[in-house]
Each structure stands twice: as C-alpha cells, then as structure tokens.
Amino acid sequence: MWATAVGVARVRALETEREDALFRDPLARAFAAAGGLWPSSRPLPDDEAARRRRLAVSFSIVIRTKFLDDLLRQASASGIRQVVLLGAGMDSRAFRMDWPEGTRLFEIDTAAPLDFKASVLRQERAVARCERVTVAVDLREDWPAALAAAGHDPAAPTVWIAEGLLIYLPEDAVELLLARISARSAAGSRMGLTLGSPGVIERFGADAEPGSAASLWVSEMPDDPVAWLAGHGWEAACHTLRERAAVYGRPVGTPPRREERPGGLISAVRR
C-alpha cells in the first residue's frame, strides 16, 4: 500500500509548481519520479466518474497538507519539540519546514517505504532541518515500544500526525491506535487527524478501480468526532475540507450534495 504514498507525493509536486501554491515540497517530485509517477502516471480510466474522483482526492490532499502544516507550526510555537508522523510515507516535513532548535521528529512506517524514501533522500542529498528519527515498524504491531526505544519521551508534550491513515483502518484498529497515542501523550500534546467524511466510501470507494487507494478505504469518521475524542481525553475542533479550502483561497465551486457536518480535518489538544 505504500505506493499510495508516492501518489500523494505526485499531488504535492503538482501543487508545488503552482504560482499560488499553498505549500512548497521540493522533494515531492523526486519521490514521484522514483516511483514511476512523474512526469505522468500510468494510464488512468478516462470516464467522468473516475476523473471526478481523482480531482476530489487530489484536492483533499492539498487542503489537508496545508491544514496540518499550520497545525505543526502552531504546536512548535507553543513549545512542543517532539513530532510523530504515523504512517509517514513520503512526508518531507522534516526537510521542508522550519523547525525550532531541539525539535525531534519521528517517522513511523514499515521498512519498505522508509528504505525507498532513504534512497531518494540520498540521491537528492537532502538535509533535515531537525533531528529526524525513522522507526521501522508496522502500526499493527507494538509500535509504542519501538517508538520508546527510538527515544520518544512520553513525559514531554508531543504533536502527533495521522494523515490519510485512519480511512484505511477498521474501527477497532482506529480505537487501538488512538488509545496508544493517548497513553504516550503528556498534557498539552497536540494531534492532527484526517478522517473520511460521512459517505465518502459510498461516493468514491464503491466503484473505485481494484487496487487503487479508494478501493482500500474502510473507515469513516464517527457521528460525533468531538465527543469521540473527548472520551479519549482530547479537546478537539473539527473542520470540513470545504471550510478550510475557502479560508485558503481555494473555494469549492460546487454546492454540497448534502448537509455537511463538521469533520474530516481534526485538531486536538490533550487535557
């Protein structure tokens, strides 16, 4: 499934080329090229439904990237110096963002994507702007023990990022992941999550091409994500892609298909 992360890198590379880019990711093009998705990807279905699905997914990746970039900057400004990226994939924030002195950033993922990523980073002679620690472990295994062995301090606040991850996990795995995060989060820790909005699997996953990212989606957000996270000890704020896109100057041109509930993009603080 890590090839999906290369597809995300391609979207970020295309955004980076825009004059009005919401972020710049200089390494994204190298990741996409090494994965065979640059300058063009493999032949894609040309029907209208598939085209709309690709555009919608690409748009969500751009907006969520900007949202989580801002969340990380706010966390750093609050004094947090530990960052954990869960299912890090081709995330290049350690290299493209400015980090305060003393920041330690942990990237958790399985060995295959981390090895692929390392080869590209060597090729590009990329230099991290903070202390970067990779942790090769499957999130279905005892990743908290691996993270602790890598030097994470649960007594100090942490900012956790789970971007484009939870939609691939069944409900029990999502609950376990959140419980494990909460157990290692000191008061004042922060968290940024992306959740599948209600109905997204029906709209985009049901007729998705087999093996595509959307075909692997299994989990949508709970009916009340604020209450759900409060039950785990977090005070959360929820935003829709449409709302954030308007704030970022990228308003959605089509009206909502149904009444949109808050969710999709989540920021939370540990109490």
Protein backbone atom coordinates (compact mmCIF):
# COMPACT_ATOMS: atom_id res chain seq x y z
CA MET A 1 0.00 0.00 0.00
CA TRP A 2 2.98 2.34 0.39
CA ALA A 3 2.84 3.05 -3.36
CA THR A 4 -0.17 5.20 -2.45
CA ALA A 5 2.28 7.49 -0.64
CA VAL A 6 4.11 8.03 -3.93
CA GLY A 7 0.81 9.09 -5.48
CA VAL A 8 0.38 11.62 -2.67
CA ALA A 9 3.87 12.91 -3.43
CA ARG A 10 2.85 13.43 -7.07
CA VAL A 11 -0.11 15.55 -5.97
CA ARG A 12 2.19 17.61 -3.75
CA ALA A 13 4.66 18.01 -6.63
CA LEU A 14 1.91 19.36 -8.88
CA GLU A 15 0.79 21.78 -6.16
CA THR A 16 4.38 22.95 -5.66
CA GLU A 17 4.54 24.01 -9.32
CA ARG A 18 1.59 26.39 -8.96
CA GLU A 19 2.33 30.09 -8.60
CA ASP A 20 -0.23 30.28 -5.80
CA ALA A 21 0.87 27.04 -4.11
CA LEU A 22 -0.44 26.52 -0.58
CA PHE A 23 2.89 24.86 0.30
CA ARG A 24 6.21 24.01 -1.34
CA ASP A 25 7.51 20.45 -1.27
CA PRO A 26 10.79 20.36 -3.24
CA LEU A 27 11.29 16.63 -2.63
CA ALA A 28 7.85 15.53 -3.81
CA ARG A 29 8.82 15.45 -7.48
CA ALA A 30 11.83 13.22 -6.72
CA PHE A 31 9.65 10.77 -4.79
CA ALA A 32 7.09 10.67 -7.60
CA ALA A 33 9.77 10.21 -10.25
CA ALA A 34 11.48 7.40 -8.36
CA GLY A 35 8.10 5.69 -8.00
CA GLY A 36 7.35 5.97 -11.72
CA LEU A 37 4.64 8.62 -11.35
CA TRP A 38 6.47 11.58 -12.85
CA PRO A 39 6.05 13.31 -15.21
CA SER A 40 2.95 11.23 -15.86
CA SER A 41 1.31 8.35 -14.07
CA ARG A 42 0.19 5.07 -15.61
CA PRO A 43 -2.82 5.19 -17.97
CA LEU A 44 -5.90 6.06 -15.98
CA PRO A 45 -9.60 5.35 -16.57
CA ASP A 46 -10.99 8.18 -18.67
CA ASP A 47 -14.62 8.02 -17.60
CA GLU A 48 -16.14 11.07 -15.94
CA ALA A 49 -16.68 9.40 -12.56
CA ALA A 50 -13.02 8.38 -12.35
CA ARG A 51 -11.89 11.86 -13.36
CA ARG A 52 -14.05 13.48 -10.66
CA ARG A 53 -12.75 11.03 -8.09
CA ARG A 54 -9.12 11.81 -8.94
CA LEU A 55 -9.74 15.54 -8.76
CA ALA A 56 -11.56 15.25 -5.44
CA VAL A 57 -8.87 13.10 -3.85
CA SER A 58 -6.09 15.39 -5.13
CA PHE A 59 -7.92 18.44 -3.81
CA SER A 60 -8.32 16.83 -0.38
CA ILE A 61 -4.59 16.00 -0.24
CA VAL A 62 -3.65 19.63 -0.95
CA ILE A 63 -6.04 21.06 1.64
CA ARG A 64 -5.14 18.56 4.35
CA THR A 65 -1.42 19.16 3.79
CA LYS A 66 -1.86 22.89 4.34
CA PHE A 67 -4.07 22.28 7.38
CA LEU A 68 -1.54 20.00 9.06
CA ASP A 69 1.40 22.26 8.17
CA ASP A 70 -0.36 25.06 10.04
CA LEU A 71 -1.13 22.78 12.98
CA LEU A 72 2.54 21.78 13.24
CA ARG A 73 3.69 25.40 13.16
CA GLN A 74 1.23 26.25 15.93
CA ALA A 75 2.42 23.30 18.01
CA SER A 76 6.05 24.37 17.59
CA ALA A 77 5.16 27.92 18.55
CA SER A 78 3.55 26.56 21.73
CA GLY A 79 6.86 24.97 22.71
CA ILE A 80 6.37 21.36 21.61
CA ARG A 81 9.61 19.79 20.43
CA GLN A 82 8.52 16.21 19.72
CA VAL A 83 6.74 15.32 16.47
CA VAL A 84 5.48 11.87 15.49
CA LEU A 85 4.30 11.13 11.96
CA LEU A 86 2.27 7.92 11.91
CA GLY A 87 2.42 6.13 8.57
CA ALA A 88 4.86 8.77 7.39
CA GLY A 89 5.12 7.60 3.78
CA MET A 90 6.79 10.22 1.59
CA ASP A 91 6.19 13.05 4.06
CA SER A 92 9.06 15.56 3.76
CA ARG A 93 8.15 17.96 6.55
CA ALA A 94 11.44 17.24 8.33
CA PHE A 95 13.17 18.73 5.27
CA ARG A 96 10.82 21.44 4.01
CA MET A 97 9.58 23.15 7.17
CA ASP A 98 11.45 25.42 9.57
CA TRP A 99 11.77 23.79 12.99
CA PRO A 100 12.86 25.35 16.30
CA GLU A 101 16.15 24.17 17.73
CA GLY A 102 15.77 20.98 19.71
CA THR A 103 12.93 19.54 17.64
CA ARG A 104 12.98 15.76 17.26
CA LEU A 105 10.76 14.34 14.54
CA PHE A 106 9.92 10.61 14.45
CA GLU A 107 8.72 8.98 11.23
CA ILE A 108 6.92 5.67 11.80
CA ASP A 109 6.31 3.36 8.86
CA THR A 110 7.22 -0.10 7.65
CA ALA A 111 10.69 -0.82 6.31
CA ALA A 112 9.80 -0.84 2.58
CA PRO A 113 8.63 2.80 2.26
CA LEU A 114 11.34 4.01 4.64
CA ASP A 115 14.03 2.27 2.59
CA PHE A 116 12.64 3.65 -0.67
CA LYS A 117 12.47 7.10 0.86
CA ALA A 118 16.03 6.86 2.17
CA SER A 119 17.34 6.05 -1.31
CA VAL A 120 15.66 9.13 -2.77
CA LEU A 121 16.88 11.32 0.06
CA ARG A 122 20.45 10.15 -0.53
CA GLN A 123 20.10 10.81 -4.25
CA GLU A 124 18.80 14.33 -3.57
CA ARG A 125 21.38 14.92 -0.81
CA ALA A 126 18.53 16.13 1.36
CA VAL A 127 19.36 17.54 4.79
CA ALA A 128 16.75 17.51 7.54
CA ARG A 129 16.06 20.78 9.37
CA CYS A 130 15.56 19.00 12.69
CA GLU A 131 16.62 15.76 14.33
CA ARG A 132 14.88 13.11 12.23
CA VAL A 133 14.44 9.58 13.60
CA THR A 134 12.94 6.81 11.49
CA VAL A 135 11.13 3.95 13.23
CA ALA A 136 10.57 0.91 11.04
CA VAL A 137 7.55 -0.87 12.48
CA ASP A 138 4.09 -1.88 11.35
CA LEU A 139 1.36 0.11 13.10
CA ARG A 140 -0.46 -3.19 13.67
CA GLU A 141 2.44 -4.30 15.88
CA ASP A 142 3.85 -2.87 19.13
CA TRP A 143 4.90 0.46 17.66
CA PRO A 144 4.81 2.29 21.04
CA ALA A 145 7.68 0.07 22.26
CA ALA A 146 9.63 0.76 19.06
CA LEU A 147 8.99 4.49 19.41
CA ALA A 148 10.16 4.44 23.03
CA ALA A 149 13.31 2.58 22.02
CA ALA A 150 13.96 5.29 19.43
CA GLY A 151 13.99 7.95 22.13
CA HIS A 152 10.46 9.32 22.37
CA ASP A 153 9.73 10.84 25.80
CA PRO A 154 6.07 10.41 26.82
CA ALA A 155 6.56 12.84 29.72
CA ALA A 156 7.10 15.71 27.28
CA PRO A 157 4.32 17.04 25.02
CA THR A 158 4.16 15.58 21.53
CA VAL A 159 2.38 16.60 18.34
CA TRP A 160 1.01 13.56 16.54
CA ILE A 161 0.04 13.48 12.87
CA ALA A 162 -2.08 10.75 11.27
CA GLU A 163 -2.57 12.00 7.73
CA GLY A 164 -4.51 9.92 5.23
CA LEU A 165 -4.18 6.92 7.53
CA LEU A 166 -7.31 6.21 9.55
CA ILE A 167 -9.53 5.72 6.49
CA TYR A 168 -7.57 2.52 5.75
CA LEU A 169 -8.00 1.07 9.25
CA PRO A 170 -11.02 -0.84 10.57
CA GLU A 171 -12.81 0.69 13.53
CA ASP A 172 -11.14 -1.50 16.17
CA ALA A 173 -7.69 -0.63 14.81
CA VAL A 174 -8.54 3.08 14.88
CA GLU A 175 -9.59 2.77 18.52
CA LEU A 176 -6.40 0.92 19.43
CA LEU A 177 -4.25 3.49 17.63
CA LEU A 178 -5.90 6.37 19.46
CA ALA A 179 -5.61 4.61 22.81
CA ARG A 180 -1.90 4.07 22.22
CA ILE A 181 -1.38 7.69 21.19
CA SER A 182 -3.25 8.89 24.27
CA ALA A 183 -1.18 6.68 26.60
CA ARG A 184 2.02 8.37 25.37
CA SER A 185 0.70 11.95 25.34
CA ALA A 186 1.55 14.35 28.14
CA ALA A 187 -0.84 17.19 28.92
CA GLY A 188 -0.59 19.86 26.25
CA SER A 189 0.20 17.38 23.48
CA ARG A 190 -1.49 18.03 20.16
CA MET A 191 -2.85 15.87 17.40
CA GLY A 192 -3.80 16.33 13.76
CA LEU A 193 -6.03 13.72 12.13
CA THR A 194 -7.70 13.33 8.77
CA LEU A 195 -10.88 11.27 8.75
CA GLY A 196 -13.06 10.01 5.96
CA SER A 197 -16.09 12.28 5.82
CA PRO A 198 -19.55 10.66 6.01
CA GLY A 199 -20.49 8.98 2.75
CA VAL A 200 -17.05 9.24 1.14
CA ILE A 201 -16.66 5.47 0.78
CA GLU A 202 -20.06 5.19 -0.90
CA ARG A 203 -19.28 8.08 -3.25
CA PHE A 204 -15.71 7.24 -4.20
CA GLY A 205 -14.77 3.80 -2.90
CA ALA A 206 -17.63 1.62 -4.07
CA ASP A 207 -16.77 1.77 -7.79
CA ALA A 208 -13.05 2.50 -7.42
CA GLU A 209 -10.55 0.65 -9.57
CA PRO A 210 -9.38 -2.52 -7.77
CA GLY A 211 -6.08 -1.90 -6.02
CA SER A 212 -6.49 1.87 -6.07
CA ALA A 213 -6.32 3.89 -2.86
CA ALA A 214 -10.07 4.46 -2.74
CA SER A 215 -10.77 0.74 -3.11
CA LEU A 216 -8.94 0.16 0.20
CA TRP A 217 -10.95 2.65 2.27
CA VAL A 218 -12.84 1.01 5.13
CA SER A 219 -13.37 3.62 7.87
CA GLU A 220 -15.28 6.89 8.04
CA MET A 221 -15.42 9.42 10.85
CA PRO A 222 -17.71 8.80 13.82
CA ASP A 223 -21.01 10.69 14.01
CA ASP A 224 -19.63 12.99 16.72
CA PRO A 225 -15.82 13.18 16.47
CA VAL A 226 -15.59 15.80 19.24
CA ALA A 227 -17.31 13.53 21.73
CA TRP A 228 -15.33 10.54 20.48
CA LEU A 229 -12.02 12.28 21.10
CA ALA A 230 -13.22 13.73 24.42
CA GLY A 231 -13.73 10.14 25.54
CA HIS A 232 -10.01 9.61 24.95
CA GLY A 233 -9.01 12.78 26.83
CA TRP A 234 -8.68 15.21 23.91
CA GLU A 235 -10.36 18.55 23.26
CA ALA A 236 -10.97 18.63 19.53
CA ALA A 237 -12.00 21.05 16.82
CA CYS A 238 -13.35 19.75 13.51
CA HIS A 239 -13.36 21.34 10.07
CA THR A 240 -14.62 20.34 6.65
CA LEU A 241 -12.44 20.43 3.55
CA ARG A 242 -14.89 22.95 2.08
CA GLU A 243 -14.48 25.29 5.05
CA ARG A 244 -10.68 25.15 5.09
CA ALA A 245 -10.46 25.45 1.31
CA ALA A 246 -12.41 28.72 1.45
CA VAL A 247 -10.09 30.05 4.15
CA TYR A 248 -7.06 29.14 2.00
CA GLY A 249 -8.43 30.89 -1.07
CA ARG A 250 -9.37 27.66 -2.88
CA PRO A 251 -13.17 27.67 -2.58
CA VAL A 252 -15.06 24.61 -3.78
CA GLY A 253 -17.05 25.58 -6.86
CA THR A 254 -19.85 23.04 -6.48
CA PRO A 255 -22.58 23.09 -3.81
CA PRO A 256 -22.55 20.36 -1.16
CA ARG A 257 -24.54 17.24 -2.08
CA ARG A 258 -26.00 17.03 1.40
CA GLU A 259 -25.82 18.93 4.64
CA GLU A 260 -22.16 18.87 5.59
CA ARG A 261 -21.30 18.05 9.18
CA PRO A 262 -18.06 19.18 10.81
CA GLY A 263 -15.24 16.73 10.41
CA GLY A 264 -12.66 15.46 8.01
CA LEU A 265 -9.86 17.63 9.41
CA ILE A 266 -9.30 17.38 13.15
CA SER A 267 -7.06 19.30 15.53
CA ALA A 268 -6.96 18.29 19.17
CA VAL A 269 -5.20 19.13 22.45
CA ARG A 270 -4.53 16.65 25.24
CA ARG A 271 -6.04 17.66 28.58
